[in-house]
Amino acid sequence: RVLVLFVTMIGLNANTALASLMSQEKQYVGFATLPNQVHRKSVKKGFDFTLMVAGESGMGKSTLVNSLFLTDLYKDRKLLNAEERINQTVEIIKHTVDIEEKGVKLKLTIVDTPGFGDAVNNNECWKPITDYIDQQFEQYFRDESGLNRKNIQDNRVHCCLYFIPPFGHGLRPVDVEFMKALHEKVNIIPLIAKADCLTPNEIKKLKDRVREEIDKFGIKVYQFPECDSDEDEEFKQLDKELKECTPFAVIGSNTVVEARGQRVRGRLYPWGIVEVENQSHCDFVKLRNMLIRSHMHDLKDVTCDVHYENYRAQCIQEMTRLVCERMVKSLKVSLFKRLPLEFRASTLLSPHLLSVNWLRTTGWRVPSPSCLCPLQMWTLRNSSK
């Protein structure tokens, strides 16, 4: 009897579980799989990211980029001597490489600016850089306004790493003017280059001084987004450390050395080894985590939603202004030609001085608003101005 009762109870529990499962399947619609669909589509399409590096020659820009992405983008680079650098102008050089990691493809574009800050007179040496950023915005705006919008290539600059020299006592005038010229166009992340030249105490003082001067001159560097309330504590702690760490003090190296029985990326000095990925030596790991692992998508979002939208709004306003000016001019000329000869002969009257209100006072019949389009009505209302 006990055995029969036990078997009966198992059967009842199994039937109850099956009924519950069938009930859940009836209530399940399926839109919870949308994130998986987006993920598959995004991975299939791949990602793109454009990074600009700016700073004087010899600040370690090429080495840092190679260290960040574990690649060699500057195989054929030619180093210029002092005489050649004097006559060199600022150039824009693009390096594009396709990287794949665990099935995820990334089209990485590095925009280098050789010649920046190397001349004796650095007046407006940032002009070619700002022009390049505007050109990419303009090209994207044209593609977006065209007929074929499916295969738009995004070459907009998503981030600019600006290298600040480790010597000196803060920002130089060229540093301030460069960042002020670009901070409305691109996400600027300031870096203290060659941090192994400074002691930890010197790095702390230089960081504080740079932060103070950035606030003093009203420079808008990239601001880390606030964490959502549902984020885990580990991510919140990481975000807090990143905010406290700016500007990042970085070291780059393309060589592998042996330290404590392990092979690591670093620089070998007579007094010891500086490890690139040792967080007690520099902020390289924090910069890499921020740039690639945690905030790459936010950098692209800010570029699209803030910097590009500002450029797009300016373009639309300028286009609207030009169209309205042309319509006002053509409408005034048309009205002038339709005036009686005695009015046209007046020396005080010209198409540019015509006023619709004045025409009404003279008894001349002005077209009624009902037969005008909205833009023509706006033109008539504002023609007296």
Protein backbone atom coordinates (compact mmCIF):
# COMPACT_ATOMS: atom_id res chain seq x y z
CA ARG A 1 0.00 0.00 0.00
CA VAL A 2 2.81 2.40 0.87
CA LEU A 3 4.48 1.66 -2.47
CA VAL A 4 1.25 2.21 -4.39
CA LEU A 5 0.63 5.49 -2.52
CA PHE A 6 4.20 6.68 -3.30
CA VAL A 7 3.86 5.90 -7.00
CA THR A 8 0.50 7.67 -7.10
CA MET A 9 2.00 10.82 -5.50
CA ILE A 10 4.87 10.85 -8.03
CA GLY A 11 2.36 10.60 -10.87
CA LEU A 12 0.30 13.46 -9.49
CA ASN A 13 3.40 15.68 -9.10
CA ALA A 14 4.50 14.89 -12.65
CA ASN A 15 1.07 15.74 -14.03
CA THR A 16 1.01 19.00 -12.05
CA ALA A 17 4.46 19.99 -13.34
CA LEU A 18 3.48 19.16 -16.93
CA ALA A 19 0.30 21.19 -16.64
CA SER A 20 2.22 24.14 -15.19
CA LEU A 21 4.75 23.95 -18.05
CA MET A 22 1.99 23.86 -20.65
CA SER A 23 0.33 26.85 -19.00
CA GLN A 24 3.60 28.82 -19.12
CA GLU A 25 4.06 27.95 -22.80
CA LYS A 26 0.59 29.28 -23.56
CA GLN A 27 1.42 32.58 -21.79
CA TYR A 28 4.86 32.90 -23.46
CA VAL A 29 4.74 35.29 -26.45
CA GLY A 30 8.41 35.31 -27.45
CA PHE A 31 9.51 38.94 -27.55
CA ALA A 32 11.97 38.18 -24.74
CA THR A 33 14.28 36.82 -27.47
CA LEU A 34 14.64 40.28 -29.08
CA PRO A 35 18.03 40.95 -27.39
CA ASN A 36 19.32 37.68 -28.83
CA GLN A 37 18.12 38.70 -32.30
CA VAL A 38 19.83 42.09 -32.02
CA HIS A 39 22.99 40.41 -30.78
CA ARG A 40 23.11 37.98 -33.71
CA LYS A 41 22.46 40.75 -36.22
CA SER A 42 25.11 43.02 -34.69
CA VAL A 43 27.74 40.29 -34.59
CA LYS A 44 27.00 39.38 -38.20
CA LYS A 45 27.24 43.01 -39.34
CA GLY A 46 30.34 43.80 -37.30
CA PHE A 47 31.36 47.03 -35.58
CA ASP A 48 33.45 50.03 -36.51
CA PHE A 49 35.35 52.50 -34.38
CA THR A 50 37.45 55.51 -35.35
CA LEU A 51 40.12 56.69 -32.93
CA MET A 52 42.20 59.83 -33.39
CA VAL A 53 45.54 60.33 -31.66
CA ALA A 54 47.04 63.81 -31.35
CA GLY A 55 50.13 65.21 -29.71
CA GLU A 56 53.73 66.11 -30.34
CA SER A 57 56.12 63.67 -31.97
CA GLY A 58 57.90 61.38 -29.53
CA MET A 59 55.02 61.17 -27.03
CA GLY A 60 54.52 57.43 -27.64
CA LYS A 61 51.26 57.63 -29.63
CA SER A 62 52.09 54.81 -32.05
CA THR A 63 53.42 52.56 -29.29
CA LEU A 64 50.33 53.07 -27.15
CA VAL A 65 47.94 52.27 -30.01
CA ASN A 66 49.85 49.08 -30.80
CA SER A 67 49.75 48.14 -27.11
CA LEU A 68 46.01 48.80 -26.85
CA PHE A 69 44.96 46.64 -29.78
CA LEU A 70 47.87 44.13 -29.83
CA THR A 71 48.70 44.92 -33.44
CA ASP A 72 51.31 46.73 -35.49
CA LEU A 73 49.79 49.61 -37.44
CA TYR A 74 53.03 51.45 -38.14
CA LYS A 75 55.21 48.90 -39.91
CA ASP A 76 56.33 51.25 -42.70
CA ARG A 77 56.64 54.40 -40.61
CA LYS A 78 59.57 56.67 -41.45
CA LEU A 79 61.05 58.76 -38.65
CA LEU A 80 61.93 62.32 -39.66
CA ASN A 81 65.02 64.17 -38.52
CA ALA A 82 64.93 67.62 -36.91
CA GLU A 83 65.41 69.52 -40.17
CA GLU A 84 62.56 67.65 -41.87
CA ARG A 85 60.22 68.23 -38.92
CA ILE A 86 60.78 72.00 -39.09
CA ASN A 87 59.32 72.16 -42.60
CA GLN A 88 56.64 69.55 -41.97
CA THR A 89 52.98 70.58 -41.93
CA VAL A 90 50.19 68.82 -40.06
CA GLU A 91 49.03 65.75 -41.97
CA ILE A 92 46.09 63.41 -41.56
CA ILE A 93 46.98 59.73 -42.01
CA LYS A 94 44.45 56.92 -41.65
CA HIS A 95 45.31 53.34 -40.72
CA THR A 96 42.52 50.75 -40.97
CA VAL A 97 42.73 47.21 -39.64
CA ASP A 98 40.12 44.46 -39.22
CA ILE A 99 40.29 42.74 -35.84
CA GLU A 100 38.35 39.65 -34.80
CA GLU A 101 37.95 38.33 -31.27
CA LYS A 102 35.70 35.40 -30.33
CA GLY A 103 33.69 35.80 -33.51
CA VAL A 104 33.16 39.56 -33.08
CA LYS A 105 34.59 41.67 -35.91
CA LEU A 106 35.81 45.22 -35.40
CA LYS A 107 36.89 47.58 -38.15
CA LEU A 108 39.34 49.86 -36.37
CA THR A 109 40.45 53.12 -37.96
CA ILE A 110 43.31 55.06 -36.40
CA VAL A 111 43.62 58.69 -37.49
CA ASP A 112 47.16 59.94 -36.88
CA THR A 113 48.19 63.61 -36.96
CA PRO A 114 51.96 63.75 -37.62
CA GLY A 115 53.42 67.23 -37.54
CA PHE A 116 51.06 68.59 -34.88
CA GLY A 117 52.92 70.79 -32.40
CA ASP A 118 56.33 70.23 -34.00
CA ALA A 119 56.72 73.56 -35.78
CA VAL A 120 58.36 76.69 -34.38
CA ASN A 121 55.11 78.58 -34.94
CA ASN A 122 52.12 76.42 -33.91
CA ASN A 123 49.50 79.07 -34.61
CA GLU A 124 46.29 77.27 -35.70
CA CYS A 125 48.13 73.99 -36.20
CA TRP A 126 44.87 72.29 -35.19
CA LYS A 127 42.99 73.70 -38.23
CA PRO A 128 43.64 70.65 -40.50
CA ILE A 129 42.36 68.39 -37.70
CA THR A 130 39.12 70.32 -37.18
CA ASP A 131 38.62 70.47 -40.96
CA TYR A 132 39.02 66.69 -41.19
CA ILE A 133 36.42 66.09 -38.46
CA ASP A 134 33.98 68.47 -40.19
CA GLN A 135 34.59 66.73 -43.52
CA GLN A 136 33.60 63.38 -42.01
CA PHE A 137 30.43 64.94 -40.55
CA GLU A 138 29.64 66.49 -43.92
CA GLN A 139 30.16 63.22 -45.77
CA TYR A 140 27.92 61.34 -43.33
CA PHE A 141 25.27 64.08 -43.62
CA ARG A 142 25.30 63.76 -47.42
CA ASP A 143 25.10 59.97 -47.30
CA GLU A 144 22.29 60.14 -44.76
CA SER A 145 20.36 62.55 -46.99
CA GLY A 146 20.93 60.48 -50.14
CA LEU A 147 18.90 57.72 -51.72
CA ASN A 148 21.06 54.74 -50.69
CA ARG A 149 21.05 54.81 -46.90
CA LYS A 150 21.53 51.10 -46.25
CA ASN A 151 25.28 50.98 -46.69
CA ILE A 152 26.40 54.22 -45.09
CA GLN A 153 30.03 54.07 -44.05
CA ASP A 154 30.62 55.75 -40.71
CA ASN A 155 34.00 57.52 -40.75
CA ARG A 156 33.13 60.01 -38.02
CA VAL A 157 35.80 60.35 -35.33
CA HIS A 158 34.40 58.77 -32.17
CA CYS A 159 37.25 59.56 -29.79
CA CYS A 160 40.42 61.66 -29.67
CA LEU A 161 43.28 60.70 -27.38
CA TYR A 162 45.25 63.87 -26.67
CA PHE A 163 48.77 63.33 -25.33
CA ILE A 164 49.98 65.86 -22.77
CA PRO A 165 53.78 66.00 -22.25
CA PRO A 166 54.91 64.79 -18.81
CA PHE A 167 57.33 67.69 -18.37
CA GLY A 168 56.14 71.15 -17.46
CA HIS A 169 53.60 72.30 -14.93
CA GLY A 170 50.27 71.56 -16.56
CA LEU A 171 48.69 72.47 -19.87
CA ARG A 172 50.54 74.60 -22.41
CA PRO A 173 48.77 77.26 -24.51
CA VAL A 174 48.76 74.94 -27.55
CA ASP A 175 47.11 72.22 -25.45
CA VAL A 176 44.37 74.58 -24.29
CA GLU A 177 43.68 75.99 -27.76
CA PHE A 178 43.63 72.54 -29.36
CA MET A 179 41.12 71.10 -26.91
CA LYS A 180 38.93 74.22 -27.04
CA ALA A 181 38.87 73.98 -30.84
CA LEU A 182 37.79 70.33 -30.77
CA HIS A 183 35.71 69.83 -27.63
CA GLU A 184 32.42 70.63 -29.43
CA LYS A 185 33.23 68.21 -32.29
CA VAL A 186 34.68 65.05 -30.73
CA ASN A 187 35.06 63.19 -27.44
CA ILE A 188 38.44 64.25 -26.01
CA ILE A 189 40.26 61.99 -23.55
CA PRO A 190 43.42 63.66 -22.20
CA LEU A 191 46.40 61.43 -21.45
CA ILE A 192 49.66 62.09 -19.63
CA ALA A 193 52.25 60.53 -21.93
CA LYS A 194 55.38 58.66 -20.84
CA ALA A 195 54.25 58.42 -17.23
CA ASP A 196 57.37 56.40 -16.35
CA CYS A 197 59.26 59.73 -16.40
CA LEU A 198 57.47 60.80 -13.21
CA THR A 199 57.23 59.56 -9.65
CA PRO A 200 53.78 58.63 -8.25
CA ASN A 201 53.66 61.88 -6.28
CA GLU A 202 54.55 63.93 -9.37
CA ILE A 203 51.86 62.14 -11.39
CA LYS A 204 49.24 62.96 -8.75
CA LYS A 205 50.21 66.64 -8.69
CA LEU A 206 50.19 66.87 -12.50
CA LYS A 207 46.76 65.21 -12.70
CA ASP A 208 45.33 67.67 -10.18
CA ARG A 209 46.84 70.60 -12.06
CA VAL A 210 45.50 69.42 -15.43
CA ARG A 211 42.00 68.89 -13.99
CA GLU A 212 42.04 72.37 -12.47
CA GLU A 213 43.10 73.98 -15.75
CA ILE A 214 40.50 72.04 -17.74
CA ASP A 215 37.80 73.45 -15.45
CA LYS A 216 39.38 76.91 -15.49
CA PHE A 217 39.41 77.22 -19.28
CA GLY A 218 35.99 75.61 -19.74
CA ILE A 219 37.25 72.65 -21.76
CA LYS A 220 34.64 69.94 -22.25
CA VAL A 221 36.39 66.59 -22.14
CA TYR A 222 34.54 63.29 -22.35
CA GLN A 223 32.28 62.80 -19.32
CA PHE A 224 31.63 59.27 -18.11
CA PRO A 225 27.89 58.51 -17.94
CA GLU A 226 26.28 58.01 -14.56
CA CYS A 227 25.67 54.41 -13.51
CA ASP A 228 22.12 53.12 -13.50
CA SER A 229 20.61 52.08 -10.20
CA ASP A 230 20.38 48.43 -11.30
CA GLU A 231 24.11 48.14 -12.09
CA ASP A 232 26.12 45.75 -9.94
CA GLU A 233 28.54 47.06 -7.32
CA GLU A 234 31.59 45.90 -9.26
CA PHE A 235 30.69 48.05 -12.27
CA LYS A 236 29.91 51.05 -10.04
CA GLN A 237 33.31 50.71 -8.36
CA LEU A 238 35.04 50.47 -11.75
CA ASP A 239 33.20 53.57 -12.97
CA LYS A 240 34.22 55.48 -9.84
CA GLU A 241 37.88 54.53 -10.29
CA LEU A 242 37.82 55.64 -13.93
CA LYS A 243 36.40 59.05 -13.04
CA GLU A 244 39.02 59.56 -10.32
CA CYS A 245 41.82 58.46 -12.64
CA THR A 246 41.47 61.05 -15.41
CA PRO A 247 43.62 62.23 -17.06
CA PHE A 248 45.10 58.77 -17.55
CA ALA A 249 48.86 58.45 -16.99
CA VAL A 250 49.93 55.87 -19.58
CA ILE A 251 52.97 53.91 -20.72
CA GLY A 252 53.24 51.93 -23.95
CA SER A 253 55.58 49.15 -25.00
CA ASN A 254 55.89 46.78 -27.95
CA THR A 255 58.50 44.57 -26.28
CA VAL A 256 58.02 41.60 -23.99
CA VAL A 257 60.31 41.30 -20.97
CA GLU A 258 60.58 38.80 -18.13
CA ALA A 259 59.49 39.92 -14.66
CA ARG A 260 59.03 37.67 -11.63
CA GLY A 261 59.31 34.60 -13.85
CA GLN A 262 56.58 35.81 -16.23
CA ARG A 263 56.77 37.37 -19.67
CA VAL A 264 54.98 40.74 -19.71
CA ARG A 265 54.81 43.86 -21.85
CA GLY A 266 57.10 46.42 -20.31
CA ARG A 267 60.17 48.60 -20.48
CA LEU A 268 63.52 47.53 -19.09
CA TYR A 269 65.55 50.16 -17.25
CA PRO A 270 68.84 49.89 -15.28
CA TRP A 271 66.88 50.33 -12.06
CA GLY A 272 64.10 47.85 -12.87
CA ILE A 273 61.16 46.99 -15.12
CA VAL A 274 58.06 49.08 -15.80
CA GLU A 275 55.10 46.83 -16.59
CA VAL A 276 52.52 48.28 -18.94
CA GLU A 277 49.64 46.20 -17.56
CA ASN A 278 50.55 46.67 -13.89
CA GLN A 279 47.98 49.07 -12.43
CA SER A 280 50.40 50.21 -9.73
CA HIS A 281 52.78 51.41 -12.48
CA CYS A 282 50.38 53.26 -14.81
CA ASP A 283 46.74 53.62 -15.93
CA PHE A 284 47.08 51.64 -19.17
CA VAL A 285 44.69 48.88 -18.06
CA LYS A 286 42.07 51.41 -16.93
CA LEU A 287 42.31 53.23 -20.26
CA ARG A 288 41.97 49.98 -22.21
CA ASN A 289 38.99 48.85 -20.14
CA MET A 290 37.27 52.19 -20.59
CA LEU A 291 38.04 52.57 -24.28
CA ILE A 292 37.25 49.02 -25.40
CA ARG A 293 35.42 46.99 -22.79
CA SER A 294 33.01 49.38 -21.09
CA HIS A 295 32.56 52.74 -22.89
CA MET A 296 33.22 52.19 -26.60
CA HIS A 297 29.51 52.13 -27.42
CA ASP A 298 28.85 55.21 -25.29
CA LEU A 299 31.60 57.09 -27.15
CA LYS A 300 29.83 56.26 -30.41
CA ASP A 301 26.45 57.27 -28.97
CA VAL A 302 27.74 60.65 -27.78
CA THR A 303 29.33 61.24 -31.19
CA CYS A 304 26.06 60.47 -32.96
CA ASP A 305 23.56 62.02 -30.54
CA VAL A 306 25.49 65.12 -29.47
CA HIS A 307 28.38 66.17 -31.72
CA TYR A 308 26.90 65.06 -35.03
CA GLU A 309 23.42 66.32 -34.15
CA ASN A 310 24.87 69.76 -33.36
CA TYR A 311 26.62 69.79 -36.74
CA ARG A 312 23.46 68.59 -38.49
CA ALA A 313 21.33 71.27 -36.82
CA GLN A 314 23.79 73.97 -37.90
CA CYS A 315 23.70 72.69 -41.48
CA ILE A 316 19.89 72.67 -41.58
CA GLN A 317 19.71 76.19 -40.10
CA GLU A 318 22.21 77.49 -42.66
CA MET A 319 20.37 75.81 -45.54
CA THR A 320 17.04 77.24 -44.33
CA ARG A 321 18.53 80.72 -44.02
CA LEU A 322 19.93 80.62 -47.56
CA VAL A 323 16.64 79.37 -49.02
CA CYS A 324 14.67 82.06 -47.22
CA GLU A 325 17.06 84.80 -48.32
CA ARG A 326 16.75 83.68 -51.93
CA MET A 327 12.95 83.56 -51.70
CA VAL A 328 12.79 87.02 -50.13
CA LYS A 329 15.03 88.44 -52.84
CA SER A 330 13.15 86.77 -55.71
CA LEU A 331 9.77 87.77 -54.28
CA LYS A 332 10.81 91.40 -53.85
CA VAL A 333 12.15 91.53 -57.41
CA SER A 334 8.89 90.01 -58.67
CA LEU A 335 6.83 92.57 -56.76
CA PHE A 336 9.03 95.41 -58.00
CA LYS A 337 8.53 94.38 -61.63
CA ARG A 338 4.77 94.32 -61.15
CA LEU A 339 4.66 97.90 -59.80
CA PRO A 340 3.38 100.75 -62.00
CA LEU A 341 6.09 102.64 -63.87
CA GLU A 342 5.68 105.81 -61.81
CA PHE A 343 6.56 103.89 -58.65
CA ARG A 344 9.46 102.06 -60.25
CA ALA A 345 10.93 105.34 -61.47
CA SER A 346 11.26 106.64 -57.93
CA THR A 347 14.87 106.92 -56.85
CA LEU A 348 13.91 106.06 -53.30
CA LEU A 349 12.53 102.69 -54.31
CA SER A 350 14.43 99.48 -54.98
CA PRO A 351 13.62 95.76 -54.68
CA HIS A 352 15.71 95.55 -51.51
CA LEU A 353 13.81 98.38 -49.81
CA LEU A 354 10.34 97.13 -50.70
CA SER A 355 7.96 96.64 -47.81
CA VAL A 356 4.69 94.78 -48.12
CA ASN A 357 3.08 97.11 -45.61
CA TRP A 358 4.25 100.13 -47.61
CA LEU A 359 2.78 98.62 -50.79
CA ARG A 360 -0.57 98.26 -49.06
CA THR A 361 -0.51 101.93 -47.98
CA THR A 362 0.02 102.98 -51.60
CA GLY A 363 -3.11 101.13 -52.63
CA TRP A 364 -1.25 98.51 -54.65
CA ARG A 365 -2.90 95.11 -54.43
CA VAL A 366 -0.75 92.55 -52.58
CA PRO A 367 -1.55 88.83 -53.11
CA SER A 368 -3.85 87.50 -50.41
CA PRO A 369 -2.32 85.04 -47.89
CA SER A 370 -4.82 82.33 -48.91
CA CYS A 371 -3.10 81.84 -52.27
CA LEU A 372 0.42 81.65 -50.84
CA CYS A 373 2.34 78.67 -49.54
CA PRO A 374 3.54 78.76 -45.88
CA LEU A 375 7.11 79.69 -46.84
CA GLN A 376 5.88 82.57 -49.06
CA MET A 377 3.65 83.81 -46.22
CA TRP A 378 6.64 83.77 -43.89
CA THR A 379 8.63 85.67 -46.53
CA LEU A 380 5.95 88.35 -46.85
CA ARG A 381 5.68 88.79 -43.08
CA ASN A 382 9.44 89.24 -42.73
CA SER A 383 10.18 91.15 -45.93
CA SER A 384 9.94 94.52 -44.18
CA LYS A 385 12.83 93.47 -41.91
